[in-house]
Structure formats: structure tokens, C-alpha cells
Amino acid sequence: MWIAAAEFLCWLALGLVLGIALHWWKANADPYPDIMDKDDPALNLALGQYKIENYVADSQYDDAGFWEYYSLRNVAFYVSIGLGSVLGPVYATADGHAYARGALCQAANFVHVTPIFCP
């Protein structure tokens, strides 16, 4: 049981790091604003990088139309994407879980770390 919990915590940490990195990238690396006109979502969908999922999730933007970095809603949006993109494929099938565990163990052995769930 502890071995499975340790492995789950590794995947959880990887998903959190991925989600926070995606949020940071979206907030700091976009050269153009997502929202061109605050009153017309259809225009924003047609012209910019504004996506329908951002409209449905009610993402928050600053006054200039850029992704709001200090919004907890925006952080939660990307952290859920990061966790889903890591935990979903790992635990979807038994073969996928075995393959992912082997890849994690290879990466850990490369940096000379041996987790308790690696043979």
C-alpha cells in the first residue's frame, strides 16, 4: 500500500508541476492579448487565442486582455489540466500503468535515485 501511495505522490507532483508551468507560460509568454473586446466573446474567439474552454471556465483576464497570473481560478484551470494529463494516461489501463512506472523508474535511475516502487 505504501509503495502505491509513493508512486501516486510522484505522479501527483509531476502533474502539479506541469499545471503550474502551463499556467506560468500562458500568463507570461503570450505576446498578444487573448481578449480583444470585453463585450463580444464571439469576436475574441474569431480573432485571438481565446478558446471556448476559457469562456466556459470563466477564466479571468487583466485590464489589457492578458491571462491573469494572480487568479486562483486560472491556476486551478491549468492544474486540473496538468493532473488530468498525467494521472489519466497512467491509471487508465494496467498496461499503461506498467509502461509509465517503467519510464519513471528509468528516469529516476538516470539521476541515481531509486524510489521504493522501482525494482
PDB file of N, CA and C in Angstrom:
ATOM      1  N   MET A   1       0.815  -1.187   0.000  1.00  0.00           N
ATOM      2  CA  MET A   1       0.000   0.000   0.000  1.00  0.00           C
ATOM      3  C   MET A   1       0.862   1.257   0.000  1.00  0.00           C
ATOM      4  N   TRP A   2       1.929   1.248   0.780  1.00  0.00           N
ATOM      5  CA  TRP A   2       2.789   2.436   0.847  1.00  0.00           C
ATOM      6  C   TRP A   2       3.526   2.651  -0.461  1.00  0.00           C
ATOM      7  N   ILE A   3       3.840   1.551  -1.144  1.00  0.00           N
ATOM      8  CA  ILE A   3       4.526   1.663  -2.427  1.00  0.00           C
ATOM      9  C   ILE A   3       3.605   2.325  -3.452  1.00  0.00           C
ATOM     10  N   ALA A   4       2.349   1.925  -3.472  1.00  0.00           N
ATOM     11  CA  ALA A   4       1.388   2.532  -4.391  1.00  0.00           C
ATOM     12  C   ALA A   4       1.159   4.003  -4.053  1.00  0.00           C
ATOM     13  N   ALA A   5       1.132   4.334  -2.758  1.00  0.00           N
ATOM     14  CA  ALA A   5       0.954   5.730  -2.346  1.00  0.00           C
ATOM     15  C   ALA A   5       2.161   6.580  -2.749  1.00  0.00           C
ATOM     16  N   ALA A   6       3.353   6.024  -2.619  1.00  0.00           N
ATOM     17  CA  ALA A   6       4.554   6.764  -3.011  1.00  0.00           C
ATOM     18  C   ALA A   6       4.574   7.018  -4.519  1.00  0.00           C
ATOM     19  N   GLU A   7       4.177   6.002  -5.273  1.00  0.00           N
ATOM     20  CA  GLU A   7       4.122   6.188  -6.726  1.00  0.00           C
ATOM     21  C   GLU A   7       3.068   7.220  -7.109  1.00  0.00           C
ATOM     22  N   PHE A   8       1.892   7.156  -6.465  1.00  0.00           N
ATOM     23  CA  PHE A   8       0.838   8.129  -6.739  1.00  0.00           C
ATOM     24  C   PHE A   8       1.301   9.544  -6.412  1.00  0.00           C
ATOM     25  N   LEU A   9       2.039   9.712  -5.327  1.00  0.00           N
ATOM     26  CA  LEU A   9       2.550  11.038  -4.969  1.00  0.00           C
ATOM     27  C   LEU A   9       3.553  11.556  -6.002  1.00  0.00           C
ATOM     28  N   CYS A  10       4.340  10.666  -6.576  1.00  0.00           N
ATOM     29  CA  CYS A  10       5.261  11.079  -7.646  1.00  0.00           C
ATOM     30  C   CYS A  10       4.488  11.578  -8.862  1.00  0.00           C
ATOM     31  N   TRP A  11       3.455  10.833  -9.264  1.00  0.00           N
ATOM     32  CA  TRP A  11       2.647  11.263 -10.413  1.00  0.00           C
ATOM     33  C   TRP A  11       1.891  12.543 -10.099  1.00  0.00           C
ATOM     34  N   LEU A  12       1.410  12.670  -8.867  1.00  0.00           N
ATOM     35  CA  LEU A  12       0.702  13.875  -8.456  1.00  0.00           C
ATOM     36  C   LEU A  12       1.626  15.090  -8.510  1.00  0.00           C
ATOM     37  N   ALA A  13       2.840  14.939  -8.018  1.00  0.00           N
ATOM     38  CA  ALA A  13       3.805  16.046  -8.053  1.00  0.00           C
ATOM     39  C   ALA A  13       4.141  16.430  -9.492  1.00  0.00           C
ATOM     40  N   LEU A  14       4.296  15.443 -10.356  1.00  0.00           N
ATOM     41  CA  LEU A  14       4.583  15.726 -11.758  1.00  0.00           C
ATOM     42  C   LEU A  14       3.427  16.483 -12.411  1.00  0.00           C
ATOM     43  N   GLY A  15       2.198  16.080 -12.115  1.00  0.00           N
ATOM     44  CA  GLY A  15       1.028  16.768 -12.661  1.00  0.00           C
ATOM     45  C   GLY A  15       0.910  18.194 -12.150  1.00  0.00           C
ATOM     46  N   LEU A  16       1.182  18.407 -10.863  1.00  0.00           N
ATOM     47  CA  LEU A  16       1.140  19.765 -10.308  1.00  0.00           C
ATOM     48  C   LEU A  16       2.198  20.667 -10.929  1.00  0.00           C
ATOM     49  N   VAL A  17       3.396  20.153 -11.080  1.00  0.00           N
ATOM     50  CA  VAL A  17       4.470  20.937 -11.695  1.00  0.00           C
ATOM     51  C   VAL A  17       4.122  21.279 -13.141  1.00  0.00           C
ATOM     52  N   LEU A  18       3.571  20.320 -13.865  1.00  0.00           N
ATOM     53  CA  LEU A  18       3.165  20.561 -15.243  1.00  0.00           C
ATOM     54  C   LEU A  18       2.069  21.629 -15.321  1.00  0.00           C
ATOM     55  N   GLY A  19       1.066  21.543 -14.450  1.00  0.00           N
ATOM     56  CA  GLY A  19      -0.018  22.517 -14.452  1.00  0.00           C
ATOM     57  C   GLY A  19       0.450  23.918 -14.108  1.00  0.00           C
ATOM     58  N   ILE A  20       1.309  24.040 -13.113  1.00  0.00           N
ATOM     59  CA  ILE A  20       1.821  25.363 -12.733  1.00  0.00           C
ATOM     60  C   ILE A  20       2.715  25.924 -13.828  1.00  0.00           C
ATOM     61  N   ALA A  21       3.500  25.068 -14.472  1.00  0.00           N
ATOM     62  CA  ALA A  21       4.334  25.533 -15.580  1.00  0.00           C
ATOM     63  C   ALA A  21       3.482  26.005 -16.754  1.00  0.00           C
ATOM     64  N   LEU A  22       2.401  25.275 -17.046  1.00  0.00           N
ATOM     65  CA  LEU A  22       1.499  25.703 -18.116  1.00  0.00           C
ATOM     66  C   LEU A  22       0.842  27.048 -17.788  1.00  0.00           C
ATOM     67  N   HIS A  23       0.432  27.225 -16.542  1.00  0.00           N
ATOM     68  CA  HIS A  23      -0.170  28.490 -16.119  1.00  0.00           C
ATOM     69  C   HIS A  23       0.839  29.633 -16.239  1.00  0.00           C
ATOM     70  N   TRP A  24       2.073  29.397 -15.795  1.00  0.00           N
ATOM     71  CA  TRP A  24       3.100  30.440 -15.886  1.00  0.00           C
ATOM     72  C   TRP A  24       3.347  30.806 -17.353  1.00  0.00           C
ATOM     73  N   TRP A  25       3.434  29.786 -18.209  1.00  0.00           N
ATOM     74  CA  TRP A  25       3.685  30.032 -19.626  1.00  0.00           C
ATOM     75  C   TRP A  25       2.554  30.835 -20.259  1.00  0.00           C
ATOM     76  N   LYS A  26       1.332  30.474 -19.948  1.00  0.00           N
ATOM     77  CA  LYS A  26       0.179  31.185 -20.516  1.00  0.00           C
ATOM     78  C   LYS A  26       0.152  32.640 -20.039  1.00  0.00           C
ATOM     79  N   ALA A  27       0.525  32.883 -18.785  1.00  0.00           N
ATOM     80  CA  ALA A  27       0.460  34.234 -18.233  1.00  0.00           C
ATOM     81  C   ALA A  27       1.633  35.107 -18.672  1.00  0.00           C
ATOM     82  N   ASN A  28       2.784  34.522 -18.923  1.00  0.00           N
ATOM     83  CA  ASN A  28       3.979  35.329 -19.153  1.00  0.00           C
ATOM     84  C   ASN A  28       4.563  35.255 -20.555  1.00  0.00           C
ATOM     85  N   ALA A  29       4.169  34.302 -21.372  1.00  0.00           N
ATOM     86  CA  ALA A  29       4.819  34.126 -22.667  1.00  0.00           C
ATOM     87  C   ALA A  29       3.972  34.566 -23.854  1.00  0.00           C
ATOM     88  N   ASP A  30       2.723  34.945 -23.628  1.00  0.00           N
ATOM     89  CA  ASP A  30       1.879  35.373 -24.742  1.00  0.00           C
ATOM     90  C   ASP A  30       2.240  36.787 -25.185  1.00  0.00           C
ATOM     91  N   PRO A  31       2.601  36.984 -26.443  1.00  0.00           N
ATOM     92  CA  PRO A  31       2.922  38.338 -26.897  1.00  0.00           C
ATOM     93  C   PRO A  31       1.677  39.180 -27.179  1.00  0.00           C
ATOM     94  N   TYR A  32       0.543  38.530 -27.429  1.00  0.00           N
ATOM     95  CA  TYR A  32      -0.694  39.243 -27.767  1.00  0.00           C
ATOM     96  C   TYR A  32      -1.782  38.900 -26.766  1.00  0.00           C
ATOM     97  N   PRO A  33      -2.666  39.832 -26.464  1.00  0.00           N
ATOM     98  CA  PRO A  33      -3.750  39.539 -25.511  1.00  0.00           C
ATOM     99  C   PRO A  33      -4.757  38.560 -26.085  1.00  0.00           C
ATOM    100  N   ASP A  34      -5.418  37.826 -25.197  1.00  0.00           N
ATOM    101  CA  ASP A  34      -6.448  36.873 -25.610  1.00  0.00           C
ATOM    102  C   ASP A  34      -7.770  37.574 -25.893  1.00  0.00           C
ATOM    103  N   ILE A  35      -8.065  38.591 -25.120  1.00  0.00           N
ATOM    104  CA  ILE A  35      -9.342  39.277 -25.252  1.00  0.00           C
ATOM    105  C   ILE A  35      -9.127  40.600 -25.977  1.00  0.00           C
ATOM    106  N   MET A  36      -9.738  40.734 -27.138  1.00  0.00           N
ATOM    107  CA  MET A  36      -9.661  41.972 -27.906  1.00  0.00           C
ATOM    108  C   MET A  36     -10.795  42.933 -27.529  1.00  0.00           C
ATOM    109  N   ASP A  37     -11.973  42.368 -27.297  1.00  0.00           N
ATOM    110  CA  ASP A  37     -13.148  43.172 -26.971  1.00  0.00           C
ATOM    111  C   ASP A  37     -13.863  42.493 -25.802  1.00  0.00           C
ATOM    112  N   LYS A  38     -13.961  43.174 -24.668  1.00  0.00           N
ATOM    113  CA  LYS A  38     -14.539  42.567 -23.472  1.00  0.00           C
ATOM    114  C   LYS A  38     -16.030  42.291 -23.586  1.00  0.00           C
ATOM    115  N   ASP A  39     -16.717  42.939 -24.516  1.00  0.00           N
ATOM    116  CA  ASP A  39     -18.161  42.777 -24.636  1.00  0.00           C
ATOM    117  C   ASP A  39     -18.583  41.761 -25.692  1.00  0.00           C
ATOM    118  N   ASP A  40     -17.644  41.267 -26.497  1.00  0.00           N
ATOM    119  CA  ASP A  40     -18.014  40.385 -27.600  1.00  0.00           C
ATOM    120  C   ASP A  40     -17.171  39.105 -27.583  1.00  0.00           C
ATOM    121  N   PRO A  41     -17.636  38.022 -26.914  1.00  0.00           N
ATOM    122  CA  PRO A  41     -16.864  36.779 -26.888  1.00  0.00           C
ATOM    123  C   PRO A  41     -16.703  36.136 -28.258  1.00  0.00           C
ATOM    124  N   ALA A  42     -17.664  36.308 -29.162  1.00  0.00           N
ATOM    125  CA  ALA A  42     -17.548  35.711 -30.499  1.00  0.00           C
ATOM    126  C   ALA A  42     -16.391  36.337 -31.263  1.00  0.00           C
ATOM    127  N   LEU A  43     -16.197  37.637 -31.118  1.00  0.00           N
ATOM    128  CA  LEU A  43     -15.074  38.315 -31.762  1.00  0.00           C
ATOM    129  C   LEU A  43     -13.750  37.826 -31.180  1.00  0.00           C
ATOM    130  N   ASN A  44     -13.711  37.619 -29.883  1.00  0.00           N
ATOM    131  CA  ASN A  44     -12.496  37.115 -29.240  1.00  0.00           C
ATOM    132  C   ASN A  44     -12.163  35.706 -29.713  1.00  0.00           C
ATOM    133  N   LEU A  45     -13.197  34.869 -29.883  1.00  0.00           N
ATOM    134  CA  LEU A  45     -12.971  33.511 -30.377  1.00  0.00           C
ATOM    135  C   LEU A  45     -12.465  33.524 -31.814  1.00  0.00           C
ATOM    136  N   ALA A  46     -12.929  34.473 -32.613  1.00  0.00           N
ATOM    137  CA  ALA A  46     -12.555  34.519 -34.029  1.00  0.00           C
ATOM    138  C   ALA A  46     -11.167  35.116 -34.233  1.00  0.00           C
ATOM    139  N   LEU A  47     -10.787  36.105 -33.429  1.00  0.00           N
ATOM    140  CA  LEU A  47      -9.555  36.847 -33.706  1.00  0.00           C
ATOM    141  C   LEU A  47      -8.335  36.377 -32.934  1.00  0.00           C
ATOM    142  N   GLY A  48      -8.504  36.024 -31.684  1.00  0.00           N
ATOM    143  CA  GLY A  48      -7.336  35.788 -30.850  1.00  0.00           C
ATOM    144  C   GLY A  48      -7.116  34.348 -30.503  1.00  0.00           C
ATOM    145  N   GLN A  49      -6.333  34.142 -29.450  1.00  0.00           N
ATOM    146  CA  GLN A  49      -6.049  32.809 -28.942  1.00  0.00           C
ATOM    147  C   GLN A  49      -7.064  32.412 -27.877  1.00  0.00           C
ATOM    148  N   TYR A  50      -8.093  33.198 -27.718  1.00  0.00           N
ATOM    149  CA  TYR A  50      -9.152  32.938 -26.757  1.00  0.00           C
ATOM    150  C   TYR A  50      -9.902  31.682 -27.187  1.00  0.00           C
ATOM    151  N   LYS A  51      -9.992  30.715 -26.298  1.00  0.00           N
ATOM    152  CA  LYS A  51     -10.602  29.424 -26.621  1.00  0.00           C
ATOM    153  C   LYS A  51     -11.969  29.299 -25.956  1.00  0.00           C
ATOM    154  N   ILE A  52     -12.794  28.423 -26.485  1.00  0.00           N
ATOM    155  CA  ILE A  52     -14.135  28.217 -25.949  1.00  0.00           C
ATOM    156  C   ILE A  52     -14.074  27.675 -24.525  1.00  0.00           C
ATOM    157  N   GLU A  53     -13.050  26.842 -24.205  1.00  0.00           N
ATOM    158  CA  GLU A  53     -12.959  26.322 -22.840  1.00  0.00           C
ATOM    159  C   GLU A  53     -12.631  27.430 -21.840  1.00  0.00           C
ATOM    160  N   ASN A  54     -11.917  28.470 -22.275  1.00  0.00           N
ATOM    161  CA  ASN A  54     -11.671  29.604 -21.384  1.00  0.00           C
ATOM    162  C   ASN A  54     -12.958  30.372 -21.122  1.00  0.00           C
ATOM    163  N   TYR A  55     -13.821  30.437 -22.112  1.00  0.00           N
ATOM    164  CA  TYR A  55     -15.110  31.106 -21.940  1.00  0.00           C
ATOM    165  C   TYR A  55     -16.018  30.292 -21.011  1.00  0.00           C
ATOM    166  N   VAL A  56     -16.036  28.973 -21.189  1.00  0.00           N
ATOM    167  CA  VAL A  56     -16.872  28.109 -20.360  1.00  0.00           C
ATOM    168  C   VAL A  56     -16.362  28.094 -18.917  1.00  0.00           C
ATOM    169  N   ALA A  57     -15.040  28.047 -18.733  1.00  0.00           N
ATOM    170  CA  ALA A  57     -14.455  28.029 -17.390  1.00  0.00           C
ATOM    171  C   ALA A  57     -14.449  29.405 -16.745  1.00  0.00           C
ATOM    172  N   ASP A  58     -14.879  30.432 -17.471  1.00  0.00           N
ATOM    173  CA  ASP A  58     -14.931  31.802 -16.967  1.00  0.00           C
ATOM    174  C   ASP A  58     -13.551  32.243 -16.465  1.00  0.00           C
ATOM    175  N   SER A  59     -12.545  32.058 -17.321  1.00  0.00           N
ATOM    176  CA  SER A  59     -11.183  32.455 -16.981  1.00  0.00           C
ATOM    177  C   SER A  59     -11.101  33.963 -16.807  1.00  0.00           C
ATOM    178  N   GLN A  60     -10.147  34.381 -16.002  1.00  0.00           N
ATOM    179  CA  GLN A  60     -10.021  35.803 -15.682  1.00  0.00           C
ATOM    180  C   GLN A  60      -8.841  36.412 -16.429  1.00  0.00           C
ATOM    181  N   TYR A  61      -9.044  37.643 -16.884  1.00  0.00           N
ATOM    182  CA  TYR A  61      -8.036  38.370 -17.651  1.00  0.00           C
ATOM    183  C   TYR A  61      -7.818  39.735 -17.018  1.00  0.00           C
ATOM    184  N   ASP A  62      -6.624  40.300 -17.214  1.00  0.00           N
ATOM    185  CA  ASP A  62      -6.359  41.630 -16.671  1.00  0.00           C
ATOM    186  C   ASP A  62      -6.985  42.701 -17.566  1.00  0.00           C
ATOM    187  N   ASP A  63      -6.734  43.964 -17.240  1.00  0.00           N
ATOM    188  CA  ASP A  63      -7.363  45.062 -17.980  1.00  0.00           C
ATOM    189  C   ASP A  63      -6.922  45.133 -19.435  1.00  0.00           C
ATOM    190  N   ALA A  64      -5.716  44.656 -19.736  1.00  0.00           N
ATOM    191  CA  ALA A  64      -5.216  44.698 -21.110  1.00  0.00           C
ATOM    192  C   ALA A  64      -5.655  43.484 -21.926  1.00  0.00           C
ATOM    193  N   GLY A  65      -6.314  42.512 -21.314  1.00  0.00           N
ATOM    194  CA  GLY A  65      -6.790  41.336 -22.029  1.00  0.00           C
ATOM    195  C   GLY A  65      -5.883  40.135 -21.940  1.00  0.00           C
ATOM    196  N   PHE A  66      -4.808  40.216 -21.142  1.00  0.00           N
ATOM    197  CA  PHE A  66      -3.891  39.093 -20.975  1.00  0.00           C
ATOM    198  C   PHE A  66      -4.376  38.182 -19.847  1.00  0.00           C
ATOM    199  N   TRP A  67      -3.906  36.947 -19.858  1.00  0.00           N
ATOM    200  CA  TRP A  67      -4.244  35.948 -18.847  1.00  0.00           C
ATOM    201  C   TRP A  67      -3.817  36.461 -17.475  1.00  0.00           C
ATOM    202  N   GLU A  68      -4.724  36.441 -16.502  1.00  0.00           N
ATOM    203  CA  GLU A  68      -4.430  36.955 -15.164  1.00  0.00           C
ATOM    204  C   GLU A  68      -3.580  35.948 -14.397  1.00  0.00           C
ATOM    205  N   TYR A  69      -2.363  36.350 -14.015  1.00  0.00           N
ATOM    206  CA  TYR A  69      -1.431  35.454 -13.350  1.00  0.00           C
ATOM    207  C   TYR A  69      -1.846  35.174 -11.910  1.00  0.00           C
ATOM    208  N   TYR A  70      -2.388  36.155 -11.216  1.00  0.00           N
ATOM    209  CA  TYR A  70      -2.700  36.014  -9.801  1.00  0.00           C
ATOM    210  C   TYR A  70      -4.138  35.561  -9.542  1.00  0.00           C
ATOM    211  N   SER A  71      -4.751  34.900 -10.495  1.00  0.00           N
ATOM    212  CA  SER A  71      -6.110  34.404 -10.339  1.00  0.00           C
ATOM    213  C   SER A  71      -6.085  32.936  -9.929  1.00  0.00           C
ATOM    214  N   LEU A  72      -6.721  32.622  -8.807  1.00  0.00           N
ATOM    215  CA  LEU A  72      -6.771  31.232  -8.364  1.00  0.00           C
ATOM    216  C   LEU A  72      -7.616  30.369  -9.305  1.00  0.00           C
ATOM    217  N   ARG A  73      -8.612  30.953  -9.934  1.00  0.00           N
ATOM    218  CA  ARG A  73      -9.427  30.221 -10.904  1.00  0.00           C
ATOM    219  C   ARG A  73      -8.574  29.788 -12.093  1.00  0.00           C
ATOM    220  N   ASN A  74      -7.703  30.676 -12.566  1.00  0.00           N
ATOM    221  CA  ASN A  74      -6.830  30.340 -13.689  1.00  0.00           C
ATOM    222  C   ASN A  74      -5.808  29.278 -13.302  1.00  0.00           C
ATOM    223  N   VAL A  75      -5.270  29.371 -12.085  1.00  0.00           N
ATOM    224  CA  VAL A  75      -4.323  28.360 -11.614  1.00  0.00           C
ATOM    225  C   VAL A  75      -5.022  27.005 -11.523  1.00  0.00           C
ATOM    226  N   ALA A  76      -6.223  26.993 -10.969  1.00  0.00           N
ATOM    227  CA  ALA A  76      -6.966  25.734 -10.844  1.00  0.00           C
ATOM    228  C   ALA A  76      -7.281  25.138 -12.215  1.00  0.00           C
ATOM    229  N   PHE A  77      -7.562  25.993 -13.201  1.00  0.00           N
ATOM    230  CA  PHE A  77      -7.840  25.529 -14.556  1.00  0.00           C
ATOM    231  C   PHE A  77      -6.646  24.759 -15.120  1.00  0.00           C
ATOM    232  N   TYR A  78      -5.454  25.332 -15.025  1.00  0.00           N
ATOM    233  CA  TYR A  78      -4.282  24.669 -15.591  1.00  0.00           C
ATOM    234  C   TYR A  78      -3.759  23.535 -14.719  1.00  0.00           C
ATOM    235  N   VAL A  79      -3.919  23.612 -13.413  1.00  0.00           N
ATOM    236  CA  VAL A  79      -3.500  22.497 -12.561  1.00  0.00           C
ATOM    237  C   VAL A  79      -4.386  21.282 -12.828  1.00  0.00           C
ATOM    238  N   SER A  80      -5.681  21.498 -13.056  1.00  0.00           N
ATOM    239  CA  SER A  80      -6.549  20.363 -13.384  1.00  0.00           C
ATOM    240  C   SER A  80      -6.175  19.762 -14.739  1.00  0.00           C
ATOM    241  N   ILE A  81      -5.762  20.596 -15.694  1.00  0.00           N
ATOM    242  CA  ILE A  81      -5.293  20.072 -16.979  1.00  0.00           C
ATOM    243  C   ILE A  81      -4.009  19.261 -16.779  1.00  0.00           C
ATOM    244  N   GLY A  82      -3.086  19.780 -15.983  1.00  0.00           N
ATOM    245  CA  GLY A  82      -1.835  19.069 -15.725  1.00  0.00           C
ATOM    246  C   GLY A  82      -2.056  17.743 -15.020  1.00  0.00           C
ATOM    247  N   LEU A  83      -2.918  17.742 -13.994  1.00  0.00           N
ATOM    248  CA  LEU A  83      -3.193  16.492 -13.274  1.00  0.00           C
ATOM    249  C   LEU A  83      -3.910  15.481 -14.165  1.00  0.00           C
ATOM    250  N   GLY A  84      -4.858  15.953 -14.940  1.00  0.00           N
ATOM    251  CA  GLY A  84      -5.576  15.043 -15.833  1.00  0.00           C
ATOM    252  C   GLY A  84      -4.695  14.461 -16.914  1.00  0.00           C
ATOM    253  N   SER A  85      -3.761  15.272 -17.429  1.00  0.00           N
ATOM    254  CA  SER A  85      -2.901  14.776 -18.499  1.00  0.00           C
ATOM    255  C   SER A  85      -1.830  13.822 -17.984  1.00  0.00           C
ATOM    256  N   VAL A  86      -1.558  13.834 -16.685  1.00  0.00           N
ATOM    257  CA  VAL A  86      -0.601  12.883 -16.123  1.00  0.00           C
ATOM    258  C   VAL A  86      -1.326  11.670 -15.541  1.00  0.00           C
ATOM    259  N   LEU A  87      -2.295  11.903 -14.680  1.00  0.00           N
ATOM    260  CA  LEU A  87      -2.957  10.785 -13.992  1.00  0.00           C
ATOM    261  C   LEU A  87      -3.876   9.987 -14.910  1.00  0.00           C
ATOM    262  N   GLY A  88      -4.477  10.633 -15.882  1.00  0.00           N
ATOM    263  CA  GLY A  88      -5.376   9.929 -16.788  1.00  0.00           C
ATOM    264  C   GLY A  88      -4.688   8.816 -17.564  1.00  0.00           C
ATOM    265  N   PRO A  89      -3.644   9.128 -18.319  1.00  0.00           N
ATOM    266  CA  PRO A  89      -2.972   8.056 -19.072  1.00  0.00           C
ATOM    267  C   PRO A  89      -2.285   7.018 -18.187  1.00  0.00           C
ATOM    268  N   VAL A  90      -1.792   7.432 -17.025  1.00  0.00           N
ATOM    269  CA  VAL A  90      -1.083   6.480 -16.163  1.00  0.00           C
ATOM    270  C   VAL A  90      -2.035   5.431 -15.602  1.00  0.00           C
ATOM    271  N   TYR A  91      -3.184   5.852 -15.134  1.00  0.00           N
ATOM    272  CA  TYR A  91      -4.094   4.921 -14.470  1.00  0.00           C
ATOM    273  C   TYR A  91      -5.267   4.472 -15.342  1.00  0.00           C
ATOM    274  N   ALA A  92      -5.256   4.777 -16.619  1.00  0.00           N
ATOM    275  CA  ALA A  92      -6.367   4.382 -17.494  1.00  0.00           C
ATOM    276  C   ALA A  92      -6.376   2.877 -17.748  1.00  0.00           C
ATOM    277  N   THR A  93      -5.210   2.295 -17.984  1.00  0.00           N
ATOM    278  CA  THR A  93      -5.127   0.852 -18.234  1.00  0.00           C
ATOM    279  C   THR A  93      -3.969   0.270 -17.436  1.00  0.00           C
ATOM    280  N   ALA A  94      -4.008  -1.035 -17.236  1.00  0.00           N
ATOM    281  CA  ALA A  94      -2.931  -1.703 -16.496  1.00  0.00           C
ATOM    282  C   ALA A  94      -1.632  -1.685 -17.302  1.00  0.00           C
ATOM    283  N   ASP A  95      -1.731  -1.859 -18.625  1.00  0.00           N
ATOM    284  CA  ASP A  95      -0.526  -1.817 -19.460  1.00  0.00           C
ATOM    285  C   ASP A  95       0.083  -0.422 -19.464  1.00  0.00           C
ATOM    286  N   GLY A  96      -0.746   0.589 -19.540  1.00  0.00           N
ATOM    287  CA  GLY A  96      -0.248   1.958 -19.499  1.00  0.00           C
ATOM    288  C   GLY A  96       0.408   2.276 -18.170  1.00  0.00           C
ATOM    289  N   HIS A  97      -0.157   1.731 -17.085  1.00  0.00           N
ATOM    290  CA  HIS A  97       0.426   1.961 -15.769  1.00  0.00           C
ATOM    291  C   HIS A  97       1.790   1.292 -15.650  1.00  0.00           C
ATOM    292  N   ALA A  98       1.913   0.080 -16.156  1.00  0.00           N
ATOM    293  CA  ALA A  98       3.202  -0.625 -16.114  1.00  0.00           C
ATOM    294  C   ALA A  98       4.239   0.095 -16.970  1.00  0.00           C
ATOM    295  N   TYR A  99       3.834   0.570 -18.140  1.00  0.00           N
ATOM    296  CA  TYR A  99       4.751   1.298 -19.016  1.00  0.00           C
ATOM    297  C   TYR A  99       5.192   2.610 -18.367  1.00  0.00           C
ATOM    298  N   ALA A 100       4.253   3.336 -17.762  1.00  0.00           N
ATOM    299  CA  ALA A 100       4.583   4.602 -17.117  1.00  0.00           C
ATOM    300  C   ALA A 100       5.478   4.387 -15.912  1.00  0.00           C
ATOM    301  N   ARG A 101       5.230   3.329 -15.150  1.00  0.00           N
ATOM    302  CA  ARG A 101       6.078   3.039 -13.993  1.00  0.00           C
ATOM    303  C   ARG A 101       7.502   2.703 -14.447  1.00  0.00           C
ATOM    304  N   GLY A 102       7.621   1.943 -15.511  1.00  0.00           N
ATOM    305  CA  GLY A 102       8.951   1.631 -16.034  1.00  0.00           C
ATOM    306  C   GLY A 102       9.694   2.868 -16.508  1.00  0.00           C
ATOM    307  N   ALA A 103       8.987   3.769 -17.169  1.00  0.00           N
ATOM    308  CA  ALA A 103       9.618   5.005 -17.631  1.00  0.00           C
ATOM    309  C   ALA A 103      10.025   5.884 -16.457  1.00  0.00           C
ATOM    310  N   LEU A 104       9.189   5.939 -15.417  1.00  0.00           N
ATOM    311  CA  LEU A 104       9.535   6.727 -14.231  1.00  0.00           C
ATOM    312  C   LEU A 104      10.751   6.149 -13.530  1.00  0.00           C
ATOM    313  N   CYS A 105      10.819   4.825 -13.452  1.00  0.00           N
ATOM    314  CA  CYS A 105      11.987   4.179 -12.828  1.00  0.00           C
ATOM    315  C   CYS A 105      13.262   4.411 -13.642  1.00  0.00           C
ATOM    316  N   GLN A 106      13.153   4.390 -14.975  1.00  0.00           N
ATOM    317  CA  GLN A 106      14.323   4.683 -15.802  1.00  0.00           C
ATOM    318  C   GLN A 106      14.805   6.108 -15.602  1.00  0.00           C
ATOM    319  N   ALA A 107      13.878   7.048 -15.534  1.00  0.00           N
ATOM    320  CA  ALA A 107      14.260   8.447 -15.310  1.00  0.00           C
ATOM    321  C   ALA A 107      14.881   8.626 -13.928  1.00  0.00           C
ATOM    322  N   ALA A 108      14.341   7.931 -12.924  1.00  0.00           N
ATOM    323  CA  ALA A 108      14.899   8.025 -11.570  1.00  0.00           C
ATOM    324  C   ALA A 108      16.291   7.400 -11.517  1.00  0.00           C
ATOM    325  N   ASN A 109      16.488   6.277 -12.194  1.00  0.00           N
ATOM    326  CA  ASN A 109      17.815   5.648 -12.217  1.00  0.00           C
ATOM    327  C   ASN A 109      18.833   6.499 -12.963  1.00  0.00           C
ATOM    328  N   PHE A 110      18.378   7.271 -13.937  1.00  0.00           N
ATOM    329  CA  PHE A 110      19.278   8.149 -14.683  1.00  0.00           C
ATOM    330  C   PHE A 110      19.886   9.217 -13.783  1.00  0.00           C
ATOM    331  N   VAL A 111      19.116   9.690 -12.804  1.00  0.00           N
ATOM    332  CA  VAL A 111      19.637  10.712 -11.874  1.00  0.00           C
ATOM    333  C   VAL A 111      20.101  10.077 -10.565  1.00  0.00           C
ATOM    334  N   HIS A 112      20.293   8.761 -10.571  1.00  0.00           N
ATOM    335  CA  HIS A 112      20.835   7.993  -9.447  1.00  0.00           C
ATOM    336  C   HIS A 112      19.955   8.086  -8.213  1.00  0.00           C
ATOM    337  N   VAL A 113      18.646   7.972  -8.408  1.00  0.00           N
ATOM    338  CA  VAL A 113      17.681   7.906  -7.319  1.00  0.00           C
ATOM    339  C   VAL A 113      16.905   6.619  -7.494  1.00  0.00           C
ATOM    340  N   THR A 114      16.673   5.898  -6.420  1.00  0.00           N
ATOM    341  CA  THR A 114      15.912   4.657  -6.502  1.00  0.00           C
ATOM    342  C   THR A 114      14.675   4.764  -5.609  1.00  0.00           C
ATOM    343  N   PRO A 115      13.519   5.044  -6.188  1.00  0.00           N
ATOM    344  CA  PRO A 115      12.291   5.077  -5.398  1.00  0.00           C
ATOM    345  C   PRO A 115      11.932   3.691  -4.874  1.00  0.00           C
ATOM    346  N   ILE A 116      11.084   3.638  -3.868  1.00  0.00           N
ATOM    347  CA  ILE A 116      10.749   2.342  -3.273  1.00  0.00           C
ATOM    348  C   ILE A 116       9.885   1.478  -4.164  1.00  0.00           C
ATOM    349  N   PHE A 117       9.240   2.059  -5.165  1.00  0.00           N
ATOM    350  CA  PHE A 117       8.390   1.270  -6.041  1.00  0.00           C
ATOM    351  C   PHE A 117       9.128   0.769  -7.279  1.00  0.00           C
ATOM    352  N   CYS A 118      10.417   1.057  -7.403  1.00  0.00           N
ATOM    353  CA  CYS A 118      11.211   0.550  -8.530  1.00  0.00           C
ATOM    354  C   CYS A 118      11.946  -0.713  -8.131  1.00  0.00           C
ATOM    355  N   PRO A 119      12.004  -1.697  -9.029  1.00  0.00           N
ATOM    356  CA  PRO A 119      12.710  -2.945  -8.694  1.00  0.00           C
ATOM    357  C   PRO A 119      14.209  -2.769  -8.647  1.00  0.00           C
TER     358      PRO A 119
END
